[in-house]
Amino acid sequence: MRIDLCGVRGSMPATGGEYLRVGGDTSCVALWADADDGPCLLLDGGTGLRHVTRLLDGAPFRGSLLLTHLHWDHTQGLPFFTAGDRADARVAVHLPAEGGDPFHTLDPMLGPPFFPITAGGLRGAWSFQGLGEGPQEIEGFDLQVRAVPHPGGTTYGMRIHDGRTTVAYIPDHGPLALGPGPDGWGPYHEAVRALASGADLLLHDAEFTAEDLAAKPTFGHSAVEYAVALAEHCDVGQLLLFHHDPWRTDDAIDAFVDRWRAGPTKVSAAVQGDTIVL
């Protein structure tokens, strides 16, 4: 499996020289089932989605886009996805619709007065399907989808398996909503353990530090300390700290990654533009 990190920030894009190395675009991860065929499964459609066009090198996108939830930082790239907005593209969007029509759930977010182009105005063969919990097969990948606590609407974490390797993707996760847990950062609850257990690679919300979390307990994100402890509890092969705070500079991210370099789990910061092959 090949994984391209197209956007790794959370909440809003970050610009300026202090954010160039880690990257400033919001959540989007591209998965390839076959290294020769291009990415076919996209996780979230933040501003990083535009970089998938570069990966395709002039070819149209033909595959599926899974939205963990519908906050702006996970959907704002949709009308700027050039490889999907063309006559020969095929884009199947899977999103939490909470019992409503998936197209009409998403369409008002893109259309006037917020933006001039509606979802129906995108060129190519676009389809919109509801995404729910449970096992499913999409684009040749086996997925397990579970709801995780995060305010403002249904939010999913995902476990993706290609027959050989497993990636867990949990970009927005506020476990403190379920109580303090053993360390005061929230419990290591059943749903998130099921997603992360034994994964070769875990991309997990690391927007806050424990100090940040104490001041922002209802903001719906995890502390870095929680992500590291979860990876250790679940015997994860590698942890990528993801969904970086838009105000956290490259140097600050490096500093807190350095704290765990000698630990039992390999811990790194997700960096926009990086490619991982499992």
C-alpha atoms as a PDB file:
ATOM      1  CA  MET A   1       0.000   0.000   0.000  1.00  0.00           C
ATOM      2  CA  ARG A   2       1.232   3.493  -0.837  1.00  0.00           C
ATOM      3  CA  ILE A   3       0.065   6.453   1.244  1.00  0.00           C
ATOM      4  CA  ASP A   4       0.555  10.083   0.202  1.00  0.00           C
ATOM      5  CA  LEU A   5       0.062  12.815   2.781  1.00  0.00           C
ATOM      6  CA  CYS A   6      -1.570  15.665   0.861  1.00  0.00           C
ATOM      7  CA  GLY A   7      -2.749  17.765   3.826  1.00  0.00           C
ATOM      8  CA  VAL A   8      -1.859  17.339   7.509  1.00  0.00           C
ATOM      9  CA  ARG A   9      -3.126  20.475   9.308  1.00  0.00           C
ATOM     10  CA  GLY A  10      -6.328  20.752  11.287  1.00  0.00           C
ATOM     11  CA  SER A  11      -9.037  23.374  11.731  1.00  0.00           C
ATOM     12  CA  MET A  12      -7.711  25.847   9.140  1.00  0.00           C
ATOM     13  CA  PRO A  13      -4.764  26.129   6.741  1.00  0.00           C
ATOM     14  CA  ALA A  14      -1.496  27.552   8.058  1.00  0.00           C
ATOM     15  CA  THR A  15       0.632  29.927   6.004  1.00  0.00           C
ATOM     16  CA  GLY A  16       4.038  31.521   6.489  1.00  0.00           C
ATOM     17  CA  GLY A  17       7.644  30.482   6.745  1.00  0.00           C
ATOM     18  CA  GLU A  18       7.245  28.793  10.128  1.00  0.00           C
ATOM     19  CA  TYR A  19       4.876  26.197   8.644  1.00  0.00           C
ATOM     20  CA  LEU A  20       6.548  25.361   5.322  1.00  0.00           C
ATOM     21  CA  ARG A  21       8.374  22.176   6.298  1.00  0.00           C
ATOM     22  CA  VAL A  22       5.429  20.327   7.875  1.00  0.00           C
ATOM     23  CA  GLY A  23       2.941  21.927   5.488  1.00  0.00           C
ATOM     24  CA  GLY A  24      -0.119  24.101   5.818  1.00  0.00           C
ATOM     25  CA  ASP A  25      -2.965  22.354   3.949  1.00  0.00           C
ATOM     26  CA  THR A  26      -5.787  20.617   5.791  1.00  0.00           C
ATOM     27  CA  SER A  27      -6.651  16.936   5.959  1.00  0.00           C
ATOM     28  CA  CYS A  28      -6.333  14.743   2.888  1.00  0.00           C
ATOM     29  CA  VAL A  29      -4.607  11.367   2.517  1.00  0.00           C
ATOM     30  CA  ALA A  30      -4.345   9.424  -0.764  1.00  0.00           C
ATOM     31  CA  LEU A  31      -4.103   5.620  -0.828  1.00  0.00           C
ATOM     32  CA  TRP A  32      -2.910   3.536  -3.759  1.00  0.00           C
ATOM     33  CA  ALA A  33      -3.867  -0.117  -4.091  1.00  0.00           C
ATOM     34  CA  ASP A  34      -1.338  -0.501  -6.927  1.00  0.00           C
ATOM     35  CA  ALA A  35       1.654   1.802  -7.319  1.00  0.00           C
ATOM     36  CA  ASP A  36       1.193   1.794 -11.100  1.00  0.00           C
ATOM     37  CA  ASP A  37      -2.465   2.823 -11.129  1.00  0.00           C
ATOM     38  CA  GLY A  38      -2.529   6.054  -9.138  1.00  0.00           C
ATOM     39  CA  PRO A  39      -4.457   6.822  -5.951  1.00  0.00           C
ATOM     40  CA  CYS A  40      -7.973   5.391  -5.850  1.00  0.00           C
ATOM     41  CA  LEU A  41      -9.064   5.967  -2.245  1.00  0.00           C
ATOM     42  CA  LEU A  42      -8.933   9.438  -0.677  1.00  0.00           C
ATOM     43  CA  LEU A  43      -9.470  10.105   3.009  1.00  0.00           C
ATOM     44  CA  ASP A  44     -10.999  13.546   3.564  1.00  0.00           C
ATOM     45  CA  GLY A  45     -11.244  16.498   1.215  1.00  0.00           C
ATOM     46  CA  GLY A  46      -9.534  19.396   2.964  1.00  0.00           C
ATOM     47  CA  THR A  47      -7.414  21.926   1.094  1.00  0.00           C
ATOM     48  CA  GLY A  48      -4.792  19.215   0.611  1.00  0.00           C
ATOM     49  CA  LEU A  49      -7.125  17.546  -1.898  1.00  0.00           C
ATOM     50  CA  ARG A  50      -5.772  19.780  -4.652  1.00  0.00           C
ATOM     51  CA  HIS A  51      -2.398  18.008  -4.426  1.00  0.00           C
ATOM     52  CA  VAL A  52      -3.961  14.709  -5.529  1.00  0.00           C
ATOM     53  CA  THR A  53      -4.148  16.246  -9.025  1.00  0.00           C
ATOM     54  CA  ARG A  54      -0.341  16.438  -9.077  1.00  0.00           C
ATOM     55  CA  LEU A  55      -0.062  12.774  -8.057  1.00  0.00           C
ATOM     56  CA  LEU A  56      -2.208  11.796 -11.041  1.00  0.00           C
ATOM     57  CA  ASP A  57       0.111  13.619 -13.471  1.00  0.00           C
ATOM     58  CA  GLY A  58      -2.592  14.689 -15.920  1.00  0.00           C
ATOM     59  CA  ALA A  59      -4.885  11.666 -15.522  1.00  0.00           C
ATOM     60  CA  PRO A  60      -8.445  11.988 -14.193  1.00  0.00           C
ATOM     61  CA  PHE A  61      -9.290  10.744 -10.735  1.00  0.00           C
ATOM     62  CA  ARG A  62     -11.370   7.576 -10.772  1.00  0.00           C
ATOM     63  CA  GLY A  63     -12.088   6.322  -7.309  1.00  0.00           C
ATOM     64  CA  SER A  64     -13.698   7.103  -3.971  1.00  0.00           C
ATOM     65  CA  LEU A  65     -13.430   9.952  -1.484  1.00  0.00           C
ATOM     66  CA  LEU A  66     -14.344   9.182   2.142  1.00  0.00           C
ATOM     67  CA  LEU A  67     -15.233  12.071   4.424  1.00  0.00           C
ATOM     68  CA  THR A  68     -14.770  11.335   8.129  1.00  0.00           C
ATOM     69  CA  HIS A  69     -17.076  14.292   8.891  1.00  0.00           C
ATOM     70  CA  LEU A  70     -18.268  17.509   7.299  1.00  0.00           C
ATOM     71  CA  HIS A  71     -16.328  20.283   9.009  1.00  0.00           C
ATOM     72  CA  TRP A  72     -14.799  22.890   6.692  1.00  0.00           C
ATOM     73  CA  ASP A  73     -11.222  21.690   7.090  1.00  0.00           C
ATOM     74  CA  HIS A  74     -12.238  18.282   5.701  1.00  0.00           C
ATOM     75  CA  THR A  75     -14.399  19.440   2.782  1.00  0.00           C
ATOM     76  CA  GLN A  76     -13.061  22.780   1.551  1.00  0.00           C
ATOM     77  CA  GLY A  77     -10.918  21.236  -1.181  1.00  0.00           C
ATOM     78  CA  LEU A  78     -13.818  19.654  -3.071  1.00  0.00           C
ATOM     79  CA  PRO A  79     -14.461  22.444  -5.624  1.00  0.00           C
ATOM     80  CA  PHE A  80     -10.694  22.838  -6.190  1.00  0.00           C
ATOM     81  CA  PHE A  81     -10.048  19.178  -7.041  1.00  0.00           C
ATOM     82  CA  THR A  82      -9.027  19.627 -10.677  1.00  0.00           C
ATOM     83  CA  ALA A  83      -8.491  15.923 -11.371  1.00  0.00           C
ATOM     84  CA  GLY A  84     -12.054  15.234 -10.216  1.00  0.00           C
ATOM     85  CA  ASP A  85     -13.698  18.242 -11.842  1.00  0.00           C
ATOM     86  CA  ARG A  86     -13.391  17.115 -15.456  1.00  0.00           C
ATOM     87  CA  ALA A  87     -15.612  15.220 -17.864  1.00  0.00           C
ATOM     88  CA  ASP A  88     -13.668  11.942 -17.721  1.00  0.00           C
ATOM     89  CA  ALA A  89     -13.457  11.750 -13.909  1.00  0.00           C
ATOM     90  CA  ARG A  90     -15.358   9.378 -11.606  1.00  0.00           C
ATOM     91  CA  VAL A  91     -15.665  10.423  -7.973  1.00  0.00           C
ATOM     92  CA  ALA A  92     -17.760   8.451  -5.472  1.00  0.00           C
ATOM     93  CA  VAL A  93     -18.113  10.524  -2.307  1.00  0.00           C
ATOM     94  CA  HIS A  94     -18.983   8.624   0.882  1.00  0.00           C
ATOM     95  CA  LEU A  95     -20.062  10.837   3.768  1.00  0.00           C
ATOM     96  CA  PRO A  96     -21.937  10.696   7.068  1.00  0.00           C
ATOM     97  CA  ALA A  97     -25.412  11.884   6.109  1.00  0.00           C
ATOM     98  CA  GLU A  98     -27.103  11.210   9.488  1.00  0.00           C
ATOM     99  CA  GLY A  99     -30.199   9.725   7.882  1.00  0.00           C
ATOM    100  CA  GLY A 100     -30.621  12.421   5.227  1.00  0.00           C
ATOM    101  CA  ASP A 101     -29.934  12.410   1.512  1.00  0.00           C
ATOM    102  CA  PRO A 102     -26.120  12.466   1.084  1.00  0.00           C
ATOM    103  CA  PHE A 103     -26.164  14.863  -1.873  1.00  0.00           C
ATOM    104  CA  HIS A 104     -28.439  17.365  -0.160  1.00  0.00           C
ATOM    105  CA  THR A 105     -26.370  17.086   3.020  1.00  0.00           C
ATOM    106  CA  LEU A 106     -23.257  18.272   1.206  1.00  0.00           C
ATOM    107  CA  ASP A 107     -24.638  20.493  -1.554  1.00  0.00           C
ATOM    108  CA  PRO A 108     -25.592  23.540   0.599  1.00  0.00           C
ATOM    109  CA  MET A 109     -22.042  23.689   1.985  1.00  0.00           C
ATOM    110  CA  LEU A 110     -20.634  24.387  -1.487  1.00  0.00           C
ATOM    111  CA  GLY A 111     -23.354  26.506  -3.075  1.00  0.00           C
ATOM    112  CA  PRO A 112     -24.411  30.150  -2.695  1.00  0.00           C
ATOM    113  CA  PRO A 113     -24.146  32.223  -0.630  1.00  0.00           C
ATOM    114  CA  PHE A 114     -21.036  30.418   0.639  1.00  0.00           C
ATOM    115  CA  PHE A 115     -19.513  29.455  -2.728  1.00  0.00           C
ATOM    116  CA  PRO A 116     -20.586  29.907  -6.360  1.00  0.00           C
ATOM    117  CA  ILE A 117     -20.369  26.229  -7.390  1.00  0.00           C
ATOM    118  CA  THR A 118     -22.661  23.590  -5.909  1.00  0.00           C
ATOM    119  CA  ALA A 119     -21.825  19.897  -5.683  1.00  0.00           C
ATOM    120  CA  GLY A 120     -24.130  19.399  -8.668  1.00  0.00           C
ATOM    121  CA  GLY A 121     -21.986  21.772 -10.708  1.00  0.00           C
ATOM    122  CA  LEU A 122     -18.878  19.604 -10.572  1.00  0.00           C
ATOM    123  CA  ARG A 123     -18.021  17.983 -13.895  1.00  0.00           C
ATOM    124  CA  GLY A 124     -17.568  14.248 -14.373  1.00  0.00           C
ATOM    125  CA  ALA A 125     -19.436  11.330 -12.851  1.00  0.00           C
ATOM    126  CA  TRP A 126     -19.859  12.313  -9.216  1.00  0.00           C
ATOM    127  CA  SER A 127     -21.992  10.249  -6.848  1.00  0.00           C
ATOM    128  CA  PHE A 128     -22.837  10.803  -3.193  1.00  0.00           C
ATOM    129  CA  GLN A 129     -23.441   7.922  -0.807  1.00  0.00           C
ATOM    130  CA  GLY A 130     -24.130   7.657   2.886  1.00  0.00           C
ATOM    131  CA  LEU A 131     -21.340   6.264   5.055  1.00  0.00           C
ATOM    132  CA  GLY A 132     -22.178   4.301   8.163  1.00  0.00           C
ATOM    133  CA  GLU A 133     -20.488   2.208  10.802  1.00  0.00           C
ATOM    134  CA  GLY A 134     -19.356  -1.340  10.151  1.00  0.00           C
ATOM    135  CA  PRO A 135     -17.308  -3.371   7.686  1.00  0.00           C
ATOM    136  CA  GLN A 136     -17.380  -2.442   3.996  1.00  0.00           C
ATOM    137  CA  GLU A 137     -15.396  -2.898   0.821  1.00  0.00           C
ATOM    138  CA  ILE A 138     -14.499   0.204  -1.222  1.00  0.00           C
ATOM    139  CA  GLU A 139     -12.095   0.356  -4.178  1.00  0.00           C
ATOM    140  CA  GLY A 140     -10.709  -3.071  -3.314  1.00  0.00           C
ATOM    141  CA  PHE A 141      -9.872  -2.126   0.292  1.00  0.00           C
ATOM    142  CA  ASP A 142     -11.523  -3.702   3.329  1.00  0.00           C
ATOM    143  CA  LEU A 143     -12.696  -0.979   5.680  1.00  0.00           C
ATOM    144  CA  GLN A 144     -13.933  -0.909   9.233  1.00  0.00           C
ATOM    145  CA  VAL A 145     -15.728   2.355  10.097  1.00  0.00           C
ATOM    146  CA  ARG A 146     -16.483   3.412  13.665  1.00  0.00           C
ATOM    147  CA  ALA A 147     -17.918   6.577  15.186  1.00  0.00           C
ATOM    148  CA  VAL A 148     -15.580   8.481  17.487  1.00  0.00           C
ATOM    149  CA  PRO A 149     -16.397  11.419  19.799  1.00  0.00           C
ATOM    150  CA  HIS A 150     -16.020  14.813  18.134  1.00  0.00           C
ATOM    151  CA  PRO A 151     -18.499  17.707  18.475  1.00  0.00           C
ATOM    152  CA  GLY A 152     -20.588  19.143  15.657  1.00  0.00           C
ATOM    153  CA  GLY A 153     -21.900  16.069  13.839  1.00  0.00           C
ATOM    154  CA  THR A 154     -21.180  12.400  13.248  1.00  0.00           C
ATOM    155  CA  THR A 155     -17.441  11.757  12.965  1.00  0.00           C
ATOM    156  CA  TYR A 156     -15.820   8.499  11.890  1.00  0.00           C
ATOM    157  CA  GLY A 157     -12.463   6.849  12.272  1.00  0.00           C
ATOM    158  CA  MET A 158     -11.415   4.258   9.716  1.00  0.00           C
ATOM    159  CA  ARG A 159      -9.326   1.103   9.529  1.00  0.00           C
ATOM    160  CA  ILE A 160      -8.177   0.209   6.003  1.00  0.00           C
ATOM    161  CA  HIS A 161      -6.708  -3.157   4.999  1.00  0.00           C
ATOM    162  CA  ASP A 162      -5.394  -4.139   1.567  1.00  0.00           C
ATOM    163  CA  GLY A 163      -4.851  -7.847   2.256  1.00  0.00           C
ATOM    164  CA  ARG A 164      -1.309  -7.294   3.544  1.00  0.00           C
ATOM    165  CA  THR A 165      -1.088  -4.127   5.612  1.00  0.00           C
ATOM    166  CA  THR A 166      -3.412  -2.040   7.778  1.00  0.00           C
ATOM    167  CA  VAL A 167      -3.720   1.712   8.193  1.00  0.00           C
ATOM    168  CA  ALA A 168      -5.856   3.334  10.909  1.00  0.00           C
ATOM    169  CA  TYR A 169      -7.012   6.895  10.247  1.00  0.00           C
ATOM    170  CA  ILE A 170      -8.483   8.875  13.158  1.00  0.00           C
ATOM    171  CA  PRO A 171      -7.935  12.556  12.331  1.00  0.00           C
ATOM    172  CA  ASP A 172     -10.507  14.176  14.665  1.00  0.00           C
ATOM    173  CA  HIS A 173     -11.021  12.548  18.037  1.00  0.00           C
ATOM    174  CA  GLY A 174     -12.067  14.088  21.350  1.00  0.00           C
ATOM    175  CA  PRO A 175     -12.031  11.197  23.855  1.00  0.00           C
ATOM    176  CA  LEU A 176     -12.265  13.577  26.806  1.00  0.00           C
ATOM    177  CA  ALA A 177     -15.997  13.800  26.011  1.00  0.00           C
ATOM    178  CA  LEU A 178     -16.277  10.260  27.418  1.00  0.00           C
ATOM    179  CA  GLY A 179     -14.593  11.118  30.717  1.00  0.00           C
ATOM    180  CA  PRO A 180     -11.060  11.731  31.981  1.00  0.00           C
ATOM    181  CA  GLY A 181      -9.772   8.189  31.462  1.00  0.00           C
ATOM    182  CA  PRO A 182      -6.705   6.874  33.315  1.00  0.00           C
ATOM    183  CA  ASP A 183      -4.436   9.823  32.447  1.00  0.00           C
ATOM    184  CA  GLY A 184      -6.863  12.736  32.296  1.00  0.00           C
ATOM    185  CA  TRP A 185      -6.765  12.880  28.467  1.00  0.00           C
ATOM    186  CA  GLY A 186      -9.825  10.685  27.867  1.00  0.00           C
ATOM    187  CA  PRO A 187     -10.381   6.910  27.884  1.00  0.00           C
ATOM    188  CA  TYR A 188      -8.900   4.438  25.428  1.00  0.00           C
ATOM    189  CA  HIS A 189     -12.401   3.378  24.496  1.00  0.00           C
ATOM    190  CA  GLU A 190     -13.564   0.294  22.611  1.00  0.00           C
ATOM    191  CA  ALA A 191     -14.207   1.937  19.237  1.00  0.00           C
ATOM    192  CA  VAL A 192     -10.810   3.580  18.953  1.00  0.00           C
ATOM    193  CA  ARG A 193      -9.002   0.479  20.198  1.00  0.00           C
ATOM    194  CA  ALA A 194     -10.788  -1.629  17.580  1.00  0.00           C
ATOM    195  CA  LEU A 195      -9.603   0.760  14.856  1.00  0.00           C
ATOM    196  CA  ALA A 196      -6.004   1.037  16.030  1.00  0.00           C
ATOM    197  CA  SER A 197      -5.217  -2.428  17.383  1.00  0.00           C
ATOM    198  CA  GLY A 198      -2.198  -3.932  15.645  1.00  0.00           C
ATOM    199  CA  ALA A 199      -2.242  -1.423  12.782  1.00  0.00           C
ATOM    200  CA  ASP A 200       0.955  -1.071  10.800  1.00  0.00           C
ATOM    201  CA  LEU A 201       0.381   2.694  10.635  1.00  0.00           C
ATOM    202  CA  LEU A 202      -1.855   4.944  12.749  1.00  0.00           C
ATOM    203  CA  LEU A 203      -2.616   8.526  11.736  1.00  0.00           C
ATOM    204  CA  HIS A 204      -4.157  10.127  14.799  1.00  0.00           C
ATOM    205  CA  ASP A 205      -5.371  13.551  15.897  1.00  0.00           C
ATOM    206  CA  ALA A 206      -2.549  15.345  17.711  1.00  0.00           C
ATOM    207  CA  GLU A 207      -3.831  18.911  17.621  1.00  0.00           C
ATOM    208  CA  PHE A 208      -3.210  19.579  21.323  1.00  0.00           C
ATOM    209  CA  THR A 209      -0.659  18.913  23.996  1.00  0.00           C
ATOM    210  CA  ALA A 210      -1.886  17.866  27.441  1.00  0.00           C
ATOM    211  CA  GLU A 211      -1.475  21.487  28.544  1.00  0.00           C
ATOM    212  CA  ASP A 212      -3.585  22.715  25.606  1.00  0.00           C
ATOM    213  CA  LEU A 213      -6.238  20.120  26.359  1.00  0.00           C
ATOM    214  CA  ALA A 214      -6.668  21.334  29.921  1.00  0.00           C
ATOM    215  CA  ALA A 215      -7.554  24.796  28.583  1.00  0.00           C
ATOM    216  CA  LYS A 216      -9.740  23.514  25.711  1.00  0.00           C
ATOM    217  CA  PRO A 217     -11.513  20.414  27.069  1.00  0.00           C
ATOM    218  CA  THR A 218     -14.600  20.784  24.834  1.00  0.00           C
ATOM    219  CA  PHE A 219     -12.847  21.514  21.523  1.00  0.00           C
ATOM    220  CA  GLY A 220     -13.010  17.864  20.428  1.00  0.00           C
ATOM    221  CA  HIS A 221      -9.366  17.025  19.790  1.00  0.00           C
ATOM    222  CA  SER A 222      -6.705  14.820  21.335  1.00  0.00           C
ATOM    223  CA  ALA A 223      -3.487  15.516  23.159  1.00  0.00           C
ATOM    224  CA  VAL A 224      -0.252  14.258  21.633  1.00  0.00           C
ATOM    225  CA  GLU A 225       0.255  12.319  24.857  1.00  0.00           C
ATOM    226  CA  TYR A 226      -3.041  10.482  24.288  1.00  0.00           C
ATOM    227  CA  ALA A 227      -2.096   9.513  20.721  1.00  0.00           C
ATOM    228  CA  VAL A 228       1.267   8.118  21.842  1.00  0.00           C
ATOM    229  CA  ALA A 229      -0.253   6.162  24.730  1.00  0.00           C
ATOM    230  CA  LEU A 230      -3.000   4.782  22.466  1.00  0.00           C
ATOM    231  CA  ALA A 231      -0.398   3.573  19.970  1.00  0.00           C
ATOM    232  CA  GLU A 232       1.512   1.844  22.764  1.00  0.00           C
ATOM    233  CA  HIS A 233      -1.628   0.241  24.236  1.00  0.00           C
ATOM    234  CA  CYS A 234      -2.682  -1.026  20.785  1.00  0.00           C
ATOM    235  CA  ASP A 235       0.709  -2.341  19.616  1.00  0.00           C
ATOM    236  CA  VAL A 236       0.806  -0.021  16.602  1.00  0.00           C
ATOM    237  CA  GLY A 237       3.790  -0.348  14.291  1.00  0.00           C
ATOM    238  CA  GLN A 238       4.163   3.384  13.560  1.00  0.00           C
ATOM    239  CA  LEU A 239       2.316   6.472  14.783  1.00  0.00           C
ATOM    240  CA  LEU A 240       2.012   9.567  12.620  1.00  0.00           C
ATOM    241  CA  LEU A 241       0.867  12.596  14.606  1.00  0.00           C
ATOM    242  CA  PHE A 242      -1.738  14.248  12.372  1.00  0.00           C
ATOM    243  CA  HIS A 243      -4.162  17.201  12.229  1.00  0.00           C
ATOM    244  CA  HIS A 244      -1.572  19.640  13.572  1.00  0.00           C
ATOM    245  CA  ASP A 245      -2.768  22.817  15.262  1.00  0.00           C
ATOM    246  CA  PRO A 246      -2.666  25.590  12.647  1.00  0.00           C
ATOM    247  CA  TRP A 247      -0.689  27.786  15.048  1.00  0.00           C
ATOM    248  CA  ARG A 248       1.915  25.131  15.911  1.00  0.00           C
ATOM    249  CA  THR A 249       5.157  25.874  14.092  1.00  0.00           C
ATOM    250  CA  ASP A 250       7.449  23.328  12.473  1.00  0.00           C
ATOM    251  CA  ASP A 251       9.985  23.744  15.286  1.00  0.00           C
ATOM    252  CA  ALA A 252       7.327  23.190  17.951  1.00  0.00           C
ATOM    253  CA  ILE A 253       6.159  20.002  16.232  1.00  0.00           C
ATOM    254  CA  ASP A 254       9.755  18.753  16.043  1.00  0.00           C
ATOM    255  CA  ALA A 255      10.208  19.465  19.740  1.00  0.00           C
ATOM    256  CA  PHE A 256       7.346  17.330  20.914  1.00  0.00           C
ATOM    257  CA  VAL A 257       8.156  14.483  18.515  1.00  0.00           C
ATOM    258  CA  ASP A 258      11.664  14.397  19.998  1.00  0.00           C
ATOM    259  CA  ARG A 259      10.157  13.569  23.404  1.00  0.00           C
ATOM    260  CA  TRP A 260       9.062  10.124  22.182  1.00  0.00           C
ATOM    261  CA  ARG A 261      11.865   9.087  19.832  1.00  0.00           C
ATOM    262  CA  ALA A 262      13.245   6.603  22.365  1.00  0.00           C
ATOM    263  CA  GLY A 263       9.854   5.077  23.230  1.00  0.00           C
ATOM    264  CA  PRO A 264       8.549   1.609  22.324  1.00  0.00           C
ATOM    265  CA  THR A 265       6.498   2.915  19.367  1.00  0.00           C
ATOM    266  CA  LYS A 266       7.940   4.685  16.349  1.00  0.00           C
ATOM    267  CA  VAL A 267       6.511   8.225  16.515  1.00  0.00           C
ATOM    268  CA  SER A 268       6.760  10.794  13.718  1.00  0.00           C
ATOM    269  CA  ALA A 269       4.952  13.923  12.651  1.00  0.00           C
ATOM    270  CA  ALA A 270       2.862  13.726   9.489  1.00  0.00           C
ATOM    271  CA  VAL A 271       4.494  15.969   6.880  1.00  0.00           C
ATOM    272  CA  GLN A 272       2.666  17.220   3.814  1.00  0.00           C
ATOM    273  CA  GLY A 273       4.141  15.763   0.647  1.00  0.00           C
ATOM    274  CA  ASP A 274       5.593  12.651   2.293  1.00  0.00           C
ATOM    275  CA  THR A 275       4.996   9.217   0.765  1.00  0.00           C
ATOM    276  CA  ILE A 276       4.875   6.047   2.863  1.00  0.00           C
ATOM    277  CA  VAL A 277       4.989   2.560   1.360  1.00  0.00           C
ATOM    278  CA  LEU A 278       3.874  -0.333   3.557  1.00  0.00           C
END
